[in-house]
Structure formats: structure tokens, C-alpha cells
Amino acid sequence: MVAIKDLDVSKYLVHCASTMARMTAQLEMGENETCWWVINHRAQNHILLGPLRFFNHGCRSNAKFASYSSKKFVPRIKAKIKAGDEITLFYGRRPPWFM
């Protein structure tokens, strides 16, 4: 994702909110499926739906995951971003919410 305008620290990108959906038989992934993020939340598998799953990882990211509601996440800006800069998220070394 690339910023189309300057973004200040602590801004929540609510237009990029993504939600978790509990995995069911209908949502099971194919063996070669790579566009889903599987999250283990409260001992149940969920998938992340929405634009947040398209943000790239950055070891020195300029945004972080923030809770928007009980099952929604948004990126929150943690370093000033100029228009045209990529917005990146640190996925974590071994984040517990990704399988």
C-alpha cells in the first residue's frame, strides 16, 4: 500500500479496516492458496478479510496493527509518512496470531 497524502503519527487508517471470519468447511483453503492470513484467535482459526492483508512487511515498519473492535484490525501510523511512500507493517518474528 502506498500513501496518497502525508500521514501523521498515530493516525488510524480506518478505511483499511479488516475483519476476522471464523474458518468453516466452506472457507477452507486450497493447498496452494497464499492470499489468506490465518489467525488463531481464542483457540479457533480465523481468516483476515479486507485490505490489511495486502500490506507488505517491513522490519522497520512505519505502521502497526491496531485493534479497531473485537474482530477488526486497522493499520496505525507510527512514523510520519510522506505521499508516495509505502506503508509497511511488522508481522513479527513469530507472531502468535499467524499460523
PDB file of N, CA and C in Angstrom:
ATOM      1  N   MET A   1       0.844  -1.165   0.000  1.00  0.00           N
ATOM      2  CA  MET A   1       0.000   0.000   0.000  1.00  0.00           C
ATOM      3  C   MET A   1       0.893   1.233   0.000  1.00  0.00           C
ATOM      4  N   VAL A   2       0.461   2.234  -0.721  1.00  0.00           N
ATOM      5  CA  VAL A   2       1.222   3.477  -0.837  1.00  0.00           C
ATOM      6  C   VAL A   2       0.341   4.636  -0.390  1.00  0.00           C
ATOM      7  N   ALA A   3       0.914   5.535   0.400  1.00  0.00           N
ATOM      8  CA  ALA A   3       0.182   6.706   0.876  1.00  0.00           C
ATOM      9  C   ALA A   3      -0.074   7.664  -0.281  1.00  0.00           C
ATOM     10  N   ILE A   4      -1.301   8.166  -0.375  1.00  0.00           N
ATOM     11  CA  ILE A   4      -1.618   9.144  -1.423  1.00  0.00           C
ATOM     12  C   ILE A   4      -1.553  10.576  -0.889  1.00  0.00           C
ATOM     13  N   LYS A   5      -1.356  10.706   0.440  1.00  0.00           N
ATOM     14  CA  LYS A   5      -1.147  12.017   1.064  1.00  0.00           C
ATOM     15  C   LYS A   5      -0.263  11.816   2.281  1.00  0.00           C
ATOM     16  N   ASP A   6       0.262  12.914   2.817  1.00  0.00           N
ATOM     17  CA  ASP A   6       1.082  12.821   4.020  1.00  0.00           C
ATOM     18  C   ASP A   6       0.235  12.302   5.176  1.00  0.00           C
ATOM     19  N   LEU A   7       0.833  11.444   5.994  1.00  0.00           N
ATOM     20  CA  LEU A   7       0.133  10.864   7.138  1.00  0.00           C
ATOM     21  C   LEU A   7       0.912  11.143   8.417  1.00  0.00           C
ATOM     22  N   ASP A   8       0.217  11.620   9.425  1.00  0.00           N
ATOM     23  CA  ASP A   8       0.841  11.930  10.705  1.00  0.00           C
ATOM     24  C   ASP A   8       0.842  10.725  11.635  1.00  0.00           C
ATOM     25  N   VAL A   9       1.739  10.772  12.606  1.00  0.00           N
ATOM     26  CA  VAL A   9       1.854   9.723  13.609  1.00  0.00           C
ATOM     27  C   VAL A   9       0.530   9.575  14.362  1.00  0.00           C
ATOM     28  N   SER A  10       0.199   8.352  14.705  1.00  0.00           N
ATOM     29  CA  SER A  10      -0.992   7.965  15.475  1.00  0.00           C
ATOM     30  C   SER A  10      -2.289   7.957  14.674  1.00  0.00           C
ATOM     31  N   LYS A  11      -2.225   8.246  13.385  1.00  0.00           N
ATOM     32  CA  LYS A  11      -3.436   8.204  12.567  1.00  0.00           C
ATOM     33  C   LYS A  11      -3.849   6.756  12.333  1.00  0.00           C
ATOM     34  N   TYR A  12      -5.127   6.481  12.529  1.00  0.00           N
ATOM     35  CA  TYR A  12      -5.690   5.169  12.233  1.00  0.00           C
ATOM     36  C   TYR A  12      -6.231   5.184  10.809  1.00  0.00           C
ATOM     37  N   LEU A  13      -5.865   4.206  10.010  1.00  0.00           N
ATOM     38  CA  LEU A  13      -6.353   4.119   8.635  1.00  0.00           C
ATOM     39  C   LEU A  13      -7.617   3.259   8.626  1.00  0.00           C
ATOM     40  N   VAL A  14      -8.721   3.855   9.089  1.00  0.00           N
ATOM     41  CA  VAL A  14      -9.960   3.088   9.259  1.00  0.00           C
ATOM     42  C   VAL A  14     -10.542   2.611   7.930  1.00  0.00           C
ATOM     43  N   HIS A  15     -10.204   3.268   6.837  1.00  0.00           N
ATOM     44  CA  HIS A  15     -10.676   2.810   5.522  1.00  0.00           C
ATOM     45  C   HIS A  15      -9.996   1.506   5.102  1.00  0.00           C
ATOM     46  N   CYS A  16      -8.973   1.107   5.843  1.00  0.00           N
ATOM     47  CA  CYS A  16      -8.281  -0.161   5.579  1.00  0.00           C
ATOM     48  C   CYS A  16      -8.638  -1.218   6.622  1.00  0.00           C
ATOM     49  N   ALA A  17      -9.714  -0.999   7.348  1.00  0.00           N
ATOM     50  CA  ALA A  17     -10.126  -1.950   8.388  1.00  0.00           C
ATOM     51  C   ALA A  17     -10.365  -3.320   7.767  1.00  0.00           C
ATOM     52  N   SER A  18      -9.924  -4.329   8.482  1.00  0.00           N
ATOM     53  CA  SER A  18     -10.105  -5.708   8.048  1.00  0.00           C
ATOM     54  C   SER A  18     -10.724  -6.483   9.192  1.00  0.00           C
ATOM     55  N   THR A  19     -11.468  -7.495   8.850  1.00  0.00           N
ATOM     56  CA  THR A  19     -12.172  -8.261   9.865  1.00  0.00           C
ATOM     57  C   THR A  19     -11.730  -9.713   9.865  1.00  0.00           C
ATOM     58  N   MET A  20     -11.968 -10.366  10.979  1.00  0.00           N
ATOM     59  CA  MET A  20     -11.681 -11.779  11.088  1.00  0.00           C
ATOM     60  C   MET A  20     -12.972 -12.559  10.911  1.00  0.00           C
ATOM     61  N   ALA A  21     -12.900 -13.632  10.149  1.00  0.00           N
ATOM     62  CA  ALA A  21     -14.046 -14.531   9.969  1.00  0.00           C
ATOM     63  C   ALA A  21     -13.624 -15.918  10.409  1.00  0.00           C
ATOM     64  N   ARG A  22     -14.440 -16.558  11.205  1.00  0.00           N
ATOM     65  CA  ARG A  22     -14.104 -17.905  11.674  1.00  0.00           C
ATOM     66  C   ARG A  22     -14.084 -18.863  10.488  1.00  0.00           C
ATOM     67  N   MET A  23     -13.042 -19.685  10.437  1.00  0.00           N
ATOM     68  CA  MET A  23     -12.923 -20.641   9.337  1.00  0.00           C
ATOM     69  C   MET A  23     -13.955 -21.741   9.494  1.00  0.00           C
ATOM     70  N   THR A  24     -14.577 -22.061   8.389  1.00  0.00           N
ATOM     71  CA  THR A  24     -15.531 -23.161   8.336  1.00  0.00           C
ATOM     72  C   THR A  24     -15.123 -24.057   7.177  1.00  0.00           C
ATOM     73  N   ALA A  25     -15.840 -25.130   6.987  1.00  0.00           N
ATOM     74  CA  ALA A  25     -15.544 -26.030   5.863  1.00  0.00           C
ATOM     75  C   ALA A  25     -15.636 -25.279   4.541  1.00  0.00           C
ATOM     76  N   GLN A  26     -16.567 -24.316   4.439  1.00  0.00           N
ATOM     77  CA  GLN A  26     -16.734 -23.569   3.199  1.00  0.00           C
ATOM     78  C   GLN A  26     -15.552 -22.636   2.935  1.00  0.00           C
ATOM     79  N   LEU A  27     -14.847 -22.243   3.986  1.00  0.00           N
ATOM     80  CA  LEU A  27     -13.736 -21.306   3.831  1.00  0.00           C
ATOM     81  C   LEU A  27     -12.375 -21.986   3.815  1.00  0.00           C
ATOM     82  N   GLU A  28     -12.341 -23.299   3.938  1.00  0.00           N
ATOM     83  CA  GLU A  28     -11.052 -23.995   3.956  1.00  0.00           C
ATOM     84  C   GLU A  28     -10.245 -23.630   2.718  1.00  0.00           C
ATOM     85  N   MET A  29      -8.954 -23.437   2.920  1.00  0.00           N
ATOM     86  CA  MET A  29      -8.062 -23.030   1.840  1.00  0.00           C
ATOM     87  C   MET A  29      -7.575 -24.221   1.039  1.00  0.00           C
ATOM     88  N   GLY A  30      -7.279 -23.959  -0.210  1.00  0.00           N
ATOM     89  CA  GLY A  30      -6.610 -24.957  -1.032  1.00  0.00           C
ATOM     90  C   GLY A  30      -5.163 -25.054  -0.596  1.00  0.00           C
ATOM     91  N   GLU A  31      -4.507 -26.123  -0.981  1.00  0.00           N
ATOM     92  CA  GLU A  31      -3.127 -26.358  -0.562  1.00  0.00           C
ATOM     93  C   GLU A  31      -2.180 -25.265  -1.040  1.00  0.00           C
ATOM     94  N   ASN A  32      -2.443 -24.684  -2.210  1.00  0.00           N
ATOM     95  CA  ASN A  32      -1.547 -23.670  -2.772  1.00  0.00           C
ATOM     96  C   ASN A  32      -2.051 -22.246  -2.564  1.00  0.00           C
ATOM     97  N   GLU A  33      -3.059 -22.061  -1.759  1.00  0.00           N
ATOM     98  CA  GLU A  33      -3.624 -20.730  -1.526  1.00  0.00           C
ATOM     99  C   GLU A  33      -2.661 -19.908  -0.685  1.00  0.00           C
ATOM    100  N   THR A  34      -2.319 -18.709  -1.152  1.00  0.00           N
ATOM    101  CA  THR A  34      -1.361 -17.885  -0.421  1.00  0.00           C
ATOM    102  C   THR A  34      -1.896 -16.506  -0.073  1.00  0.00           C
ATOM    103  N   CYS A  35      -3.113 -16.186  -0.431  1.00  0.00           N
ATOM    104  CA  CYS A  35      -3.591 -14.824  -0.187  1.00  0.00           C
ATOM    105  C   CYS A  35      -4.420 -14.704   1.090  1.00  0.00           C
ATOM    106  N   TRP A  36      -4.486 -15.747   1.898  1.00  0.00           N
ATOM    107  CA  TRP A  36      -5.217 -15.692   3.161  1.00  0.00           C
ATOM    108  C   TRP A  36      -4.239 -15.552   4.317  1.00  0.00           C
ATOM    109  N   TRP A  37      -4.620 -14.823   5.312  1.00  0.00           N
ATOM    110  CA  TRP A  37      -3.876 -14.798   6.561  1.00  0.00           C
ATOM    111  C   TRP A  37      -4.694 -15.596   7.555  1.00  0.00           C
ATOM    112  N   VAL A  38      -4.148 -16.664   8.083  1.00  0.00           N
ATOM    113  CA  VAL A  38      -4.847 -17.469   9.074  1.00  0.00           C
ATOM    114  C   VAL A  38      -4.402 -17.003  10.453  1.00  0.00           C
ATOM    115  N   ILE A  39      -5.366 -16.681  11.279  1.00  0.00           N
ATOM    116  CA  ILE A  39      -5.117 -16.149  12.611  1.00  0.00           C
ATOM    117  C   ILE A  39      -5.743 -17.096  13.623  1.00  0.00           C
ATOM    118  N   ASN A  40      -4.997 -17.423  14.661  1.00  0.00           N
ATOM    119  CA  ASN A  40      -5.568 -18.226  15.731  1.00  0.00           C
ATOM    120  C   ASN A  40      -6.008 -17.263  16.822  1.00  0.00           C
ATOM    121  N   HIS A  41      -7.298 -17.148  17.019  1.00  0.00           N
ATOM    122  CA  HIS A  41      -7.878 -16.230  17.999  1.00  0.00           C
ATOM    123  C   HIS A  41      -8.794 -17.024  18.913  1.00  0.00           C
ATOM    124  N   ARG A  42      -8.481 -17.031  20.201  1.00  0.00           N
ATOM    125  CA  ARG A  42      -9.274 -17.758  21.190  1.00  0.00           C
ATOM    126  C   ARG A  42      -9.424 -19.233  20.823  1.00  0.00           C
ATOM    127  N   ALA A  43      -8.314 -19.822  20.412  1.00  0.00           N
ATOM    128  CA  ALA A  43      -8.228 -21.257  20.092  1.00  0.00           C
ATOM    129  C   ALA A  43      -9.079 -21.666  18.898  1.00  0.00           C
ATOM    130  N   GLN A  44      -9.448 -20.719  18.049  1.00  0.00           N
ATOM    131  CA  GLN A  44     -10.182 -21.040  16.827  1.00  0.00           C
ATOM    132  C   GLN A  44      -9.480 -20.366  15.654  1.00  0.00           C
ATOM    133  N   ASN A  45      -9.462 -21.040  14.503  1.00  0.00           N
ATOM    134  CA  ASN A  45      -8.847 -20.470  13.309  1.00  0.00           C
ATOM    135  C   ASN A  45      -9.788 -19.479  12.642  1.00  0.00           C
ATOM    136  N   HIS A  46      -9.229 -18.333  12.279  1.00  0.00           N
ATOM    137  CA  HIS A  46      -9.953 -17.280  11.569  1.00  0.00           C
ATOM    138  C   HIS A  46      -9.122 -16.888  10.350  1.00  0.00           C
ATOM    139  N   ILE A  47      -9.761 -16.276   9.381  1.00  0.00           N
ATOM    140  CA  ILE A  47      -9.022 -15.682   8.266  1.00  0.00           C
ATOM    141  C   ILE A  47      -9.227 -14.181   8.319  1.00  0.00           C
ATOM    142  N   LEU A  48      -8.232 -13.441   7.857  1.00  0.00           N
ATOM    143  CA  LEU A  48      -8.312 -11.992   7.827  1.00  0.00           C
ATOM    144  C   LEU A  48      -8.830 -11.581   6.460  1.00  0.00           C
ATOM    145  N   LEU A  49      -9.944 -10.883   6.439  1.00  0.00           N
ATOM    146  CA  LEU A  49     -10.562 -10.418   5.204  1.00  0.00           C
ATOM    147  C   LEU A  49     -10.462  -8.901   5.128  1.00  0.00           C
ATOM    148  N   GLY A  50     -10.101  -8.390   3.988  1.00  0.00           N
ATOM    149  CA  GLY A  50     -10.023  -6.945   3.805  1.00  0.00           C
ATOM    150  C   GLY A  50      -8.656  -6.508   3.345  1.00  0.00           C
ATOM    151  N   PRO A  51      -8.492  -5.205   3.155  1.00  0.00           N
ATOM    152  CA  PRO A  51      -7.255  -4.678   2.558  1.00  0.00           C
ATOM    153  C   PRO A  51      -6.012  -4.821   3.427  1.00  0.00           C
ATOM    154  N   LEU A  52      -6.158  -5.010   4.714  1.00  0.00           N
ATOM    155  CA  LEU A  52      -4.994  -5.115   5.593  1.00  0.00           C
ATOM    156  C   LEU A  52      -4.073  -6.264   5.192  1.00  0.00           C
ATOM    157  N   ARG A  53      -4.626  -7.307   4.604  1.00  0.00           N
ATOM    158  CA  ARG A  53      -3.804  -8.457   4.227  1.00  0.00           C
ATOM    159  C   ARG A  53      -2.893  -8.175   3.033  1.00  0.00           C
ATOM    160  N   PHE A  54      -3.053  -7.022   2.397  1.00  0.00           N
ATOM    161  CA  PHE A  54      -2.212  -6.673   1.250  1.00  0.00           C
ATOM    162  C   PHE A  54      -1.058  -5.738   1.617  1.00  0.00           C
ATOM    163  N   PHE A  55      -0.934  -5.370   2.899  1.00  0.00           N
ATOM    164  CA  PHE A  55       0.187  -4.529   3.321  1.00  0.00           C
ATOM    165  C   PHE A  55       1.444  -5.386   3.393  1.00  0.00           C
ATOM    166  N   ASN A  56       2.545  -4.848   2.936  1.00  0.00           N
ATOM    167  CA  ASN A  56       3.816  -5.561   2.974  1.00  0.00           C
ATOM    168  C   ASN A  56       4.453  -5.470   4.354  1.00  0.00           C
ATOM    169  N   HIS A  57       5.319  -6.452   4.635  1.00  0.00           N
ATOM    170  CA  HIS A  57       6.092  -6.477   5.876  1.00  0.00           C
ATOM    171  C   HIS A  57       7.271  -5.529   5.767  1.00  0.00           C
ATOM    172  N   GLY A  58       7.614  -4.910   6.875  1.00  0.00           N
ATOM    173  CA  GLY A  58       8.821  -4.107   6.953  1.00  0.00           C
ATOM    174  C   GLY A  58       9.461  -4.299   8.317  1.00  0.00           C
ATOM    175  N   CYS A  59      10.732  -4.661   8.348  1.00  0.00           N
ATOM    176  CA  CYS A  59      11.414  -4.828   9.640  1.00  0.00           C
ATOM    177  C   CYS A  59      11.446  -3.510  10.404  1.00  0.00           C
ATOM    178  N   ARG A  60      11.531  -2.422   9.671  1.00  0.00           N
ATOM    179  CA  ARG A  60      11.456  -1.074  10.260  1.00  0.00           C
ATOM    180  C   ARG A  60      10.174  -0.421   9.756  1.00  0.00           C
ATOM    181  N   SER A  61       9.068  -1.035  10.084  1.00  0.00           N
ATOM    182  CA  SER A  61       7.769  -0.598   9.556  1.00  0.00           C
ATOM    183  C   SER A  61       7.404   0.800  10.044  1.00  0.00           C
ATOM    184  N   ASN A  62       6.531   1.443   9.277  1.00  0.00           N
ATOM    185  CA  ASN A  62       6.062   2.777   9.649  1.00  0.00           C
ATOM    186  C   ASN A  62       4.609   2.749  10.143  1.00  0.00           C
ATOM    187  N   ALA A  63       4.056   1.541  10.279  1.00  0.00           N
ATOM    188  CA  ALA A  63       2.703   1.379  10.816  1.00  0.00           C
ATOM    189  C   ALA A  63       2.667   0.098  11.641  1.00  0.00           C
ATOM    190  N   LYS A  64       1.633  -0.045  12.462  1.00  0.00           N
ATOM    191  CA  LYS A  64       1.494  -1.252  13.269  1.00  0.00           C
ATOM    192  C   LYS A  64       0.034  -1.687  13.284  1.00  0.00           C
ATOM    193  N   PHE A  65      -0.181  -2.942  13.647  1.00  0.00           N
ATOM    194  CA  PHE A  65      -1.542  -3.456  13.779  1.00  0.00           C
ATOM    195  C   PHE A  65      -2.192  -2.796  14.984  1.00  0.00           C
ATOM    196  N   ALA A  66      -3.426  -2.375  14.825  1.00  0.00           N
ATOM    197  CA  ALA A  66      -4.174  -1.804  15.941  1.00  0.00           C
ATOM    198  C   ALA A  66      -5.563  -2.416  15.951  1.00  0.00           C
ATOM    199  N   SER A  67      -6.077  -2.620  17.134  1.00  0.00           N
ATOM    200  CA  SER A  67      -7.420  -3.164  17.289  1.00  0.00           C
ATOM    201  C   SER A  67      -8.434  -2.063  17.008  1.00  0.00           C
ATOM    202  N   TYR A  68      -9.423  -2.373  16.202  1.00  0.00           N
ATOM    203  CA  TYR A  68     -10.458  -1.396  15.855  1.00  0.00           C
ATOM    204  C   TYR A  68     -11.768  -1.757  16.537  1.00  0.00           C
ATOM    205  N   SER A  69     -11.987  -3.021  16.746  1.00  0.00           N
ATOM    206  CA  SER A  69     -13.110  -3.548  17.512  1.00  0.00           C
ATOM    207  C   SER A  69     -12.720  -4.967  17.907  1.00  0.00           C
ATOM    208  N   SER A  70     -13.628  -5.727  18.443  1.00  0.00           N
ATOM    209  CA  SER A  70     -13.258  -7.054  18.926  1.00  0.00           C
ATOM    210  C   SER A  70     -12.752  -7.979  17.822  1.00  0.00           C
ATOM    211  N   LYS A  71     -13.154  -7.747  16.572  1.00  0.00           N
ATOM    212  CA  LYS A  71     -12.702  -8.618  15.481  1.00  0.00           C
ATOM    213  C   LYS A  71     -12.204  -7.845  14.272  1.00  0.00           C
ATOM    214  N   LYS A  72     -11.850  -6.582  14.453  1.00  0.00           N
ATOM    215  CA  LYS A  72     -11.328  -5.788  13.335  1.00  0.00           C
ATOM    216  C   LYS A  72      -9.965  -5.223  13.687  1.00  0.00           C
ATOM    217  N   PHE A  73      -9.128  -5.129  12.672  1.00  0.00           N
ATOM    218  CA  PHE A  73      -7.807  -4.545  12.798  1.00  0.00           C
ATOM    219  C   PHE A  73      -7.652  -3.433  11.772  1.00  0.00           C
ATOM    220  N   VAL A  74      -6.848  -2.442  12.118  1.00  0.00           N
ATOM    221  CA  VAL A  74      -6.513  -1.369  11.184  1.00  0.00           C
ATOM    222  C   VAL A  74      -5.026  -1.073  11.325  1.00  0.00           C
ATOM    223  N   PRO A  75      -4.416  -0.509  10.281  1.00  0.00           N
ATOM    224  CA  PRO A  75      -3.045  -0.039  10.461  1.00  0.00           C
ATOM    225  C   PRO A  75      -3.063   1.309  11.188  1.00  0.00           C
ATOM    226  N   ARG A  76      -2.123   1.483  12.124  1.00  0.00           N
ATOM    227  CA  ARG A  76      -1.966   2.755  12.828  1.00  0.00           C
ATOM    228  C   ARG A  76      -0.570   3.273  12.526  1.00  0.00           C
ATOM    229  N   ILE A  77      -0.496   4.502  12.061  1.00  0.00           N
ATOM    230  CA  ILE A  77       0.779   5.097  11.653  1.00  0.00           C
ATOM    231  C   ILE A  77       1.642   5.353  12.883  1.00  0.00           C
ATOM    232  N   LYS A  78       2.901   4.895  12.832  1.00  0.00           N
ATOM    233  CA  LYS A  78       3.801   5.098  13.968  1.00  0.00           C
ATOM    234  C   LYS A  78       5.006   5.973  13.625  1.00  0.00           C
ATOM    235  N   ALA A  79       5.147   6.336  12.359  1.00  0.00           N
ATOM    236  CA  ALA A  79       6.201   7.262  11.916  1.00  0.00           C
ATOM    237  C   ALA A  79       5.618   8.086  10.773  1.00  0.00           C
ATOM    238  N   LYS A  80       5.958   9.349  10.730  1.00  0.00           N
ATOM    239  CA  LYS A  80       5.417  10.222   9.689  1.00  0.00           C
ATOM    240  C   LYS A  80       5.686   9.633   8.303  1.00  0.00           C
ATOM    241  N   ILE A  81       4.659   9.650   7.460  1.00  0.00           N
ATOM    242  CA  ILE A  81       4.753   9.084   6.109  1.00  0.00           C
ATOM    243  C   ILE A  81       4.430  10.180   5.106  1.00  0.00           C
ATOM    244  N   LYS A  82       5.253  10.278   4.072  1.00  0.00           N
ATOM    245  CA  LYS A  82       5.013  11.259   3.009  1.00  0.00           C
ATOM    246  C   LYS A  82       4.227  10.611   1.879  1.00  0.00           C
ATOM    247  N   ALA A  83       3.484  11.411   1.164  1.00  0.00           N
ATOM    248  CA  ALA A  83       2.745  10.926  -0.008  1.00  0.00           C
ATOM    249  C   ALA A  83       3.723  10.215  -0.942  1.00  0.00           C
ATOM    250  N   GLY A  84       3.319   9.036  -1.418  1.00  0.00           N
ATOM    251  CA  GLY A  84       4.164   8.254  -2.316  1.00  0.00           C
ATOM    252  C   GLY A  84       4.989   7.196  -1.609  1.00  0.00           C
ATOM    253  N   ASP A  85       5.105   7.290  -0.270  1.00  0.00           N
ATOM    254  CA  ASP A  85       5.844   6.282   0.489  1.00  0.00           C
ATOM    255  C   ASP A  85       4.981   5.051   0.719  1.00  0.00           C
ATOM    256  N   GLU A  86       5.630   3.888   0.778  1.00  0.00           N
ATOM    257  CA  GLU A  86       4.906   2.657   1.075  1.00  0.00           C
ATOM    258  C   GLU A  86       4.602   2.583   2.569  1.00  0.00           C
ATOM    259  N   ILE A  87       3.428   2.099   2.900  1.00  0.00           N
ATOM    260  CA  ILE A  87       3.039   1.861   4.285  1.00  0.00           C
ATOM    261  C   ILE A  87       3.306   0.380   4.556  1.00  0.00           C
ATOM    262  N   THR A  88       4.142   0.106   5.558  1.00  0.00           N
ATOM    263  CA  THR A  88       4.500  -1.279   5.868  1.00  0.00           C
ATOM    264  C   THR A  88       4.146  -1.616   7.306  1.00  0.00           C
ATOM    265  N   LEU A  89       3.957  -2.902   7.547  1.00  0.00           N
ATOM    266  CA  LEU A  89       3.635  -3.416   8.879  1.00  0.00           C
ATOM    267  C   LEU A  89       4.673  -4.455   9.270  1.00  0.00           C
ATOM    268  N   PHE A  90       5.025  -4.484  10.543  1.00  0.00           N
ATOM    269  CA  PHE A  90       5.918  -5.519  11.049  1.00  0.00           C
ATOM    270  C   PHE A  90       5.055  -6.704  11.457  1.00  0.00           C
ATOM    271  N   TYR A  91       5.205  -7.828  10.764  1.00  0.00           N
ATOM    272  CA  TYR A  91       4.395  -9.008  11.051  1.00  0.00           C
ATOM    273  C   TYR A  91       4.829  -9.684  12.344  1.00  0.00           C
ATOM    274  N   GLY A  92       6.057  -9.448  12.758  1.00  0.00           N
ATOM    275  CA  GLY A  92       6.583 -10.067  13.962  1.00  0.00           C
ATOM    276  C   GLY A  92       7.545 -11.183  13.615  1.00  0.00           C
ATOM    277  N   ARG A  93       8.426 -11.490  14.547  1.00  0.00           N
ATOM    278  CA  ARG A  93       9.381 -12.573  14.319  1.00  0.00           C
ATOM    279  C   ARG A  93       8.673 -13.904  14.276  1.00  0.00           C
ATOM    280  N   ARG A  94       7.778 -14.088  15.200  1.00  0.00           N
ATOM    281  CA  ARG A  94       6.989 -15.311  15.250  1.00  0.00           C
ATOM    282  C   ARG A  94       5.655 -14.946  15.898  1.00  0.00           C
ATOM    283  N   PRO A  95       4.877 -14.144  15.196  1.00  0.00           N
ATOM    284  CA  PRO A  95       3.655 -13.639  15.805  1.00  0.00           C
ATOM    285  C   PRO A  95       2.675 -14.753  16.156  1.00  0.00           C
ATOM    286  N   PRO A  96       2.074 -14.686  17.341  1.00  0.00           N
ATOM    287  CA  PRO A  96       1.167 -15.740  17.770  1.00  0.00           C
ATOM    288  C   PRO A  96      -0.138 -15.784  16.998  1.00  0.00           C
ATOM    289  N   TRP A  97      -0.499 -14.698  16.320  1.00  0.00           N
ATOM    290  CA  TRP A  97      -1.778 -14.699  15.619  1.00  0.00           C
ATOM    291  C   TRP A  97      -1.698 -15.244  14.203  1.00  0.00           C
ATOM    292  N   PHE A  98      -0.499 -15.524  13.698  1.00  0.00           N
ATOM    293  CA  PHE A  98      -0.361 -16.152  12.393  1.00  0.00           C
ATOM    294  C   PHE A  98       0.091 -17.591  12.569  1.00  0.00           C
ATOM    295  N   MET A  99      -0.467 -18.490  11.791  1.00  0.00           N
ATOM    296  CA  MET A  99      -0.072 -19.889  11.884  1.00  0.00           C
ATOM    297  C   MET A  99       0.961 -20.196  10.826  1.00  0.00           C
TER     298      MET A  99
END
